C-alpha atoms as a PDB file:
ATOM      1  CA  MET A   1      77.951 232.807  -0.448  1.00  0.00           C
ATOM      2  CA  ALA A   2      80.803 232.190   2.552  1.00  0.00           C
ATOM      3  CA  ILE A   3      80.475 230.069   5.042  1.00  0.00           C
ATOM      4  CA  CYS A   4      81.846 232.129   7.613  1.00  0.00           C
ATOM      5  CA  ALA A   5      83.395 235.769   8.354  1.00  0.00           C
ATOM      6  CA  TYR A   6      86.853 236.555   8.415  1.00  0.00           C
ATOM      7  CA  GLU A   7      88.125 237.016  11.707  1.00  0.00           C
ATOM      8  CA  GLY A   8      88.344 234.818  14.729  1.00  0.00           C
ATOM      9  CA  ALA A   9      88.226 231.150  14.282  1.00  0.00           C
ATOM     10  CA  GLY A  10      87.363 231.867  10.588  1.00  0.00           C
ATOM     11  CA  ARG A  11      90.220 233.842   9.762  1.00  0.00           C
ATOM     12  CA  GLU A  12      92.543 231.653  11.655  1.00  0.00           C
ATOM     13  CA  LEU A  13      90.910 228.687   9.892  1.00  0.00           C
ATOM     14  CA  VAL A  14      91.885 230.213   6.757  1.00  0.00           C
ATOM     15  CA  LEU A  15      94.953 231.351   7.033  1.00  0.00           C
ATOM     16  CA  ALA A  16      95.963 227.869   8.393  1.00  0.00           C
ATOM     17  CA  LEU A  17      94.971 226.441   5.088  1.00  0.00           C
ATOM     18  CA  LYS A  18      96.777 229.445   2.769  1.00  0.00           C
ATOM     19  CA  ARG A  19     100.287 229.748   5.017  1.00  0.00           C
ATOM     20  CA  GLY A  20     100.472 226.942   7.481  1.00  0.00           C
ATOM     21  CA  ASN A  21      99.909 224.616   5.015  1.00  0.00           C
ATOM     22  CA  ARG A  22      97.167 222.853   7.345  1.00  0.00           C
ATOM     23  CA  ARG A  23      94.550 220.723   4.665  1.00  0.00           C
ATOM     24  CA  ALA A  24      93.263 218.648   6.712  1.00  0.00           C
ATOM     25  CA  ALA A  25      90.188 220.696   7.197  1.00  0.00           C
ATOM     26  CA  VAL A  26      89.811 221.081   3.125  1.00  0.00           C
ATOM     27  CA  PRO A  27      87.002 217.897   2.546  1.00  0.00           C
ATOM     28  CA  MET A  28      84.608 219.235   5.635  1.00  0.00           C
ATOM     29  CA  LEU A  29      84.517 222.568   4.273  1.00  0.00           C
ATOM     30  CA  GLY A  30      84.545 221.453   0.925  1.00  0.00           C
ATOM     31  CA  ALA A  31      81.331 219.885   1.774  1.00  0.00           C
ATOM     32  CA  ALA A  32      80.244 222.785   3.920  1.00  0.00           C
ATOM     33  CA  LEU A  33      80.346 224.670   0.723  1.00  0.00           C
ATOM     34  CA  ALA A  34      78.736 222.263  -0.835  1.00  0.00           C
ATOM     35  CA  GLU A  35      76.259 222.180   1.083  1.00  0.00           C
ATOM     36  CA  VAL A  36      75.467 225.624   1.039  1.00  0.00           C
ATOM     37  CA  VAL A  37      74.664 225.582  -3.092  1.00  0.00           C
ATOM     38  CA  GLY A  38      72.565 222.473  -2.344  1.00  0.00           C
ATOM     39  CA  PRO A  39      71.317 219.552  -4.608  1.00  0.00           C
ATOM     40  CA  ARG A  40      69.275 222.054  -6.843  1.00  0.00           C
ATOM     41  CA  ARG A  41      72.776 223.624  -8.521  1.00  0.00           C
ATOM     42  CA  ALA A  42      74.457 219.504  -8.901  1.00  0.00           C
ATOM     43  CA  ALA A  43      70.964 219.279 -11.151  1.00  0.00           C
ATOM     44  CA  ALA A  44      70.552 222.528 -12.892  1.00  0.00           C
ATOM     45  CA  PRO A  45      68.863 222.423 -16.134  1.00  0.00           C
ATOM     46  CA  THR A  46      70.996 224.388 -18.147  1.00  0.00           C
ATOM     47  CA  ALA A  47      73.147 222.664 -20.988  1.00  0.00           C
ATOM     48  CA  GLY A  48      74.706 219.649 -18.740  1.00  0.00           C
ATOM     49  CA  GLN A  49      75.918 219.692 -14.866  1.00  0.00           C
ATOM     50  CA  PRO A  50      77.856 222.573 -13.518  1.00  0.00           C
ATOM     51  CA  LEU A  51      80.649 223.090 -14.393  1.00  0.00           C
ATOM     52  CA  VAL A  52      82.830 223.909 -10.664  1.00  0.00           C
ATOM     53  CA  THR A  53      85.583 226.259 -11.412  1.00  0.00           C
ATOM     54  CA  TRP A  54      88.040 228.477  -9.603  1.00  0.00           C
ATOM     55  CA  ALA A  55      89.648 231.719  -9.233  1.00  0.00           C
ATOM     56  CA  PRO A  56      93.324 231.227  -9.313  1.00  0.00           C
ATOM     57  CA  THR A  57      95.981 232.105  -7.198  1.00  0.00           C
ATOM     58  CA  THR A  58      99.611 234.243  -9.022  1.00  0.00           C
ATOM     59  CA  ALA A  59     101.881 231.683 -10.018  1.00  0.00           C
ATOM     60  CA  GLN A  60     103.982 233.236  -7.601  1.00  0.00           C
ATOM     61  CA  ARG A  61     101.951 231.930  -4.313  1.00  0.00           C
ATOM     62  CA  ARG A  62     101.497 228.833  -6.044  1.00  0.00           C
ATOM     63  CA  ARG A  63     105.266 228.005  -5.925  1.00  0.00           C
ATOM     64  CA  GLU A  64     105.721 229.399  -2.632  1.00  0.00           C
ATOM     65  CA  ARG A  65     102.794 227.156  -0.938  1.00  0.00           C
ATOM     66  CA  GLY A  66     102.813 224.669  -3.408  1.00  0.00           C
ATOM     67  CA  PHE A  67      99.317 224.470  -3.770  1.00  0.00           C
ATOM     68  CA  ASP A  68      96.308 226.806  -4.506  1.00  0.00           C
ATOM     69  CA  GLN A  69      93.658 227.619  -1.952  1.00  0.00           C
ATOM     70  CA  ALA A  70      91.235 227.620  -3.954  1.00  0.00           C
ATOM     71  CA  GLU A  71      91.476 224.951  -6.321  1.00  0.00           C
ATOM     72  CA  LEU A  72      91.771 222.052  -3.312  1.00  0.00           C
ATOM     73  CA  LEU A  73      88.396 223.684  -2.228  1.00  0.00           C
ATOM     74  CA  ALA A  74      87.102 223.884  -5.338  1.00  0.00           C
ATOM     75  CA  ARG A  75      88.290 220.133  -5.718  1.00  0.00           C
ATOM     76  CA  ALA A  76      86.920 219.577  -2.590  1.00  0.00           C
ATOM     77  CA  VAL A  77      83.246 221.033  -3.409  1.00  0.00           C
ATOM     78  CA  ALA A  78      82.886 218.743  -6.685  1.00  0.00           C
ATOM     79  CA  ARG A  79      83.342 215.953  -4.771  1.00  0.00           C
ATOM     80  CA  ALA A  80      80.600 216.312  -2.413  1.00  0.00           C
ATOM     81  CA  LEU A  81      78.346 217.502  -5.121  1.00  0.00           C
ATOM     82  CA  GLY A  82      79.260 214.178  -7.669  1.00  0.00           C
ATOM     83  CA  LEU A  83      80.774 217.275 -10.101  1.00  0.00           C
ATOM     84  CA  THR A  84      84.252 217.185 -11.135  1.00  0.00           C
ATOM     85  CA  THR A  85      86.687 220.336 -11.446  1.00  0.00           C
ATOM     86  CA  HIS A  86      87.655 222.675 -13.958  1.00  0.00           C
ATOM     87  CA  ARG A  87      90.657 224.760 -14.275  1.00  0.00           C
ATOM     88  CA  LEU A  88      88.219 227.723 -16.747  1.00  0.00           C
ATOM     89  CA  LEU A  89      90.161 230.958 -15.427  1.00  0.00           C
ATOM     90  CA  GLU A  90      93.777 232.025 -15.798  1.00  0.00           C
ATOM     91  CA  ARG A  91      95.339 234.522 -13.540  1.00  0.00           C
ATOM     92  CA  THR A  92      96.730 237.276 -15.015  1.00  0.00           C
ATOM     93  CA  GLY A  93      96.834 240.307 -12.397  1.00  0.00           C
ATOM     94  CA  ALA A  94      99.263 240.406  -9.298  1.00  0.00           C
ATOM     95  CA  SER A  95      97.999 239.013  -5.841  1.00  0.00           C
ATOM     96  CA  GLN A  96      95.388 240.683  -3.817  1.00  0.00           C
ATOM     97  CA  MET A  97      97.445 240.188  -0.900  1.00  0.00           C
ATOM     98  CA  GLY A  98      98.730 243.270   1.250  1.00  0.00           C
ATOM     99  CA  HIS A  99      96.508 246.076  -0.936  1.00  0.00           C
ATOM    100  CA  ASP A 100      93.823 248.511   0.574  1.00  0.00           C
ATOM    101  CA  ALA A 101      90.445 247.921  -0.835  1.00  0.00           C
ATOM    102  CA  SER A 102      90.907 250.565  -3.950  1.00  0.00           C
ATOM    103  CA  GLU A 103      93.732 249.069  -4.924  1.00  0.00           C
ATOM    104  CA  ARG A 104      92.527 245.096  -4.720  1.00  0.00           C
ATOM    105  CA  ARG A 105      89.520 246.727  -6.711  1.00  0.00           C
ATOM    106  CA  SER A 106      91.675 248.220  -9.977  1.00  0.00           C
ATOM    107  CA  ASN A 107      94.182 245.156  -9.421  1.00  0.00           C
ATOM    108  CA  PRO A 108      92.467 241.556 -10.081  1.00  0.00           C
ATOM    109  CA  GLY A 109      92.912 239.705 -13.751  1.00  0.00           C
ATOM    110  CA  PHE A 110      91.532 236.984 -15.213  1.00  0.00           C
ATOM    111  CA  GLY A 111      91.289 235.754 -18.532  1.00  0.00           C
ATOM    112  CA  PRO A 112      89.885 232.428 -20.161  1.00  0.00           C
ATOM    113  CA  ARG A 113      91.643 229.418 -20.050  1.00  0.00           C
ATOM    114  CA  ASN A 114      93.197 228.344 -22.916  1.00  0.00           C
ATOM    115  CA  ALA A 115      89.909 227.027 -24.784  1.00  0.00           C
ATOM    116  CA  GLY A 116      91.341 223.703 -26.248  1.00  0.00           C
ATOM    117  CA  ARG A 117      92.370 222.950 -22.563  1.00  0.00           C
ATOM    118  CA  ALA A 118      88.946 223.366 -21.022  1.00  0.00           C
ATOM    119  CA  PRO A 119      85.408 223.165 -21.726  1.00  0.00           C
ATOM    120  CA  SER A 120      83.042 225.584 -22.757  1.00  0.00           C
ATOM    121  CA  VAL A 121      80.911 227.396 -20.198  1.00  0.00           C
ATOM    122  CA  LEU A 122      78.481 228.313 -23.346  1.00  0.00           C
ATOM    123  CA  ASN A 123      74.640 228.086 -22.012  1.00  0.00           C
ATOM    124  CA  ARG A 124      76.211 225.816 -18.732  1.00  0.00           C
ATOM    125  CA  ASP A 125      75.992 227.164 -14.735  1.00  0.00           C
ATOM    126  CA  CYS A 126      79.309 227.591 -12.904  1.00  0.00           C
ATOM    127  CA  LEU A 127      80.189 227.803  -9.285  1.00  0.00           C
ATOM    128  CA  LEU A 128      83.351 229.651  -8.785  1.00  0.00           C
ATOM    129  CA  VAL A 129      84.936 229.099  -5.347  1.00  0.00           C
ATOM    130  CA  ASP A 130      88.029 231.238  -3.548  1.00  0.00           C
ATOM    131  CA  ASP A 131      89.130 230.796  -0.326  1.00  0.00           C
ATOM    132  CA  VAL A 132      87.809 234.463   1.270  1.00  0.00           C
ATOM    133  CA  VAL A 133      86.065 237.496  -0.415  1.00  0.00           C
ATOM    134  CA  THR A 134      88.015 241.024   0.779  1.00  0.00           C
ATOM    135  CA  THR A 135      86.097 243.211  -1.538  1.00  0.00           C
ATOM    136  CA  GLY A 136      84.966 240.835  -4.223  1.00  0.00           C
ATOM    137  CA  SER A 137      87.101 241.893  -6.778  1.00  0.00           C
ATOM    138  CA  THR A 138      88.843 238.455  -7.741  1.00  0.00           C
ATOM    139  CA  MET A 139      85.198 237.604  -7.415  1.00  0.00           C
ATOM    140  CA  ALA A 140      83.608 239.708  -9.251  1.00  0.00           C
ATOM    141  CA  CYS A 141      86.499 239.965 -11.964  1.00  0.00           C
ATOM    142  CA  ALA A 142      86.693 236.266 -12.850  1.00  0.00           C
ATOM    143  CA  ALA A 143      82.807 235.968 -12.470  1.00  0.00           C
ATOM    144  CA  ARG A 144      83.193 238.737 -15.419  1.00  0.00           C
ATOM    145  CA  VAL A 145      85.126 236.534 -17.641  1.00  0.00           C
ATOM    146  CA  LEU A 146      82.844 233.285 -17.124  1.00  0.00           C
ATOM    147  CA  ARG A 147      79.970 235.172 -18.293  1.00  0.00           C
ATOM    148  CA  ALA A 148      81.686 236.537 -20.990  1.00  0.00           C
ATOM    149  CA  ALA A 149      82.374 233.214 -22.237  1.00  0.00           C
ATOM    150  CA  GLY A 150      79.047 232.410 -22.415  1.00  0.00           C
ATOM    151  CA  ALA A 151      78.586 230.658 -18.460  1.00  0.00           C
ATOM    152  CA  SER A 152      74.404 231.310 -17.894  1.00  0.00           C
ATOM    153  CA  SER A 153      75.018 231.523 -14.045  1.00  0.00           C
ATOM    154  CA  VAL A 154      78.166 231.922 -11.525  1.00  0.00           C
ATOM    155  CA  VAL A 155      77.970 231.344  -8.385  1.00  0.00           C
ATOM    156  CA  GLY A 156      80.322 232.302  -5.452  1.00  0.00           C
ATOM    157  CA  LEU A 157      81.396 230.092  -2.942  1.00  0.00           C
ATOM    158  CA  ALA A 158      84.135 230.898  -0.226  1.00  0.00           C
ATOM    159  CA  ILE A 159      85.517 229.901   2.702  1.00  0.00           C
ATOM    160  CA  ALA A 160      84.865 233.334   4.489  1.00  0.00           C
ATOM    161  CA  LEU A 161      83.534 236.753   3.690  1.00  0.00           C
ATOM    162  CA  THR A 162      85.458 239.936   5.466  1.00  0.00           C
ATOM    163  CA  PRO A 163      82.834 241.209   7.762  1.00  0.00           C
ATOM    164  CA  PRO A 164      81.948 244.797   6.655  1.00  0.00           C
ATOM    165  CA  ARG A 165      83.488 247.878   8.395  1.00  0.00           C
ATOM    166  CA  THR A 166      81.632 249.886  11.054  1.00  0.00           C
ATOM    167  CA  PRO A 167      82.180 253.330  10.867  1.00  0.00           C
ATOM    168  CA  ARG A 168      83.857 254.812  14.227  1.00  0.00           C
END
């Protein structure tokens, strides 16, 4: 689920956050994403409240920016829903930025975070937050890891979704 297309103002908003370190919109974006999920997820019938997590950026990008934009968004979503965030994933693949669609599909990599440092996802719903869904590869890979660890469901949330290309 996304709240806007990754074009025009939606693209500018994401890039202002990622590359311009403009975080003022993060609380509003988190609230908008929480609204998309709705209160039904906050009161899920599975074992406990949903876990809010994010698709972590690479260590290099985090060092360059000084923050992980997906983590900031996940924390804002959790606050809006009255939940807490949990780092459930470790990035094992390279950055997706600058890669074409076929490279993006083979590139993302995630693993479960060290079990002693993260709560169990067994029979839990997970809200997985990222900033942009381009091909869906990052979200799909992260969701597979969470489901393999026992998550009962994974709902992907993003600020923006790249619109499908129209044939010329």
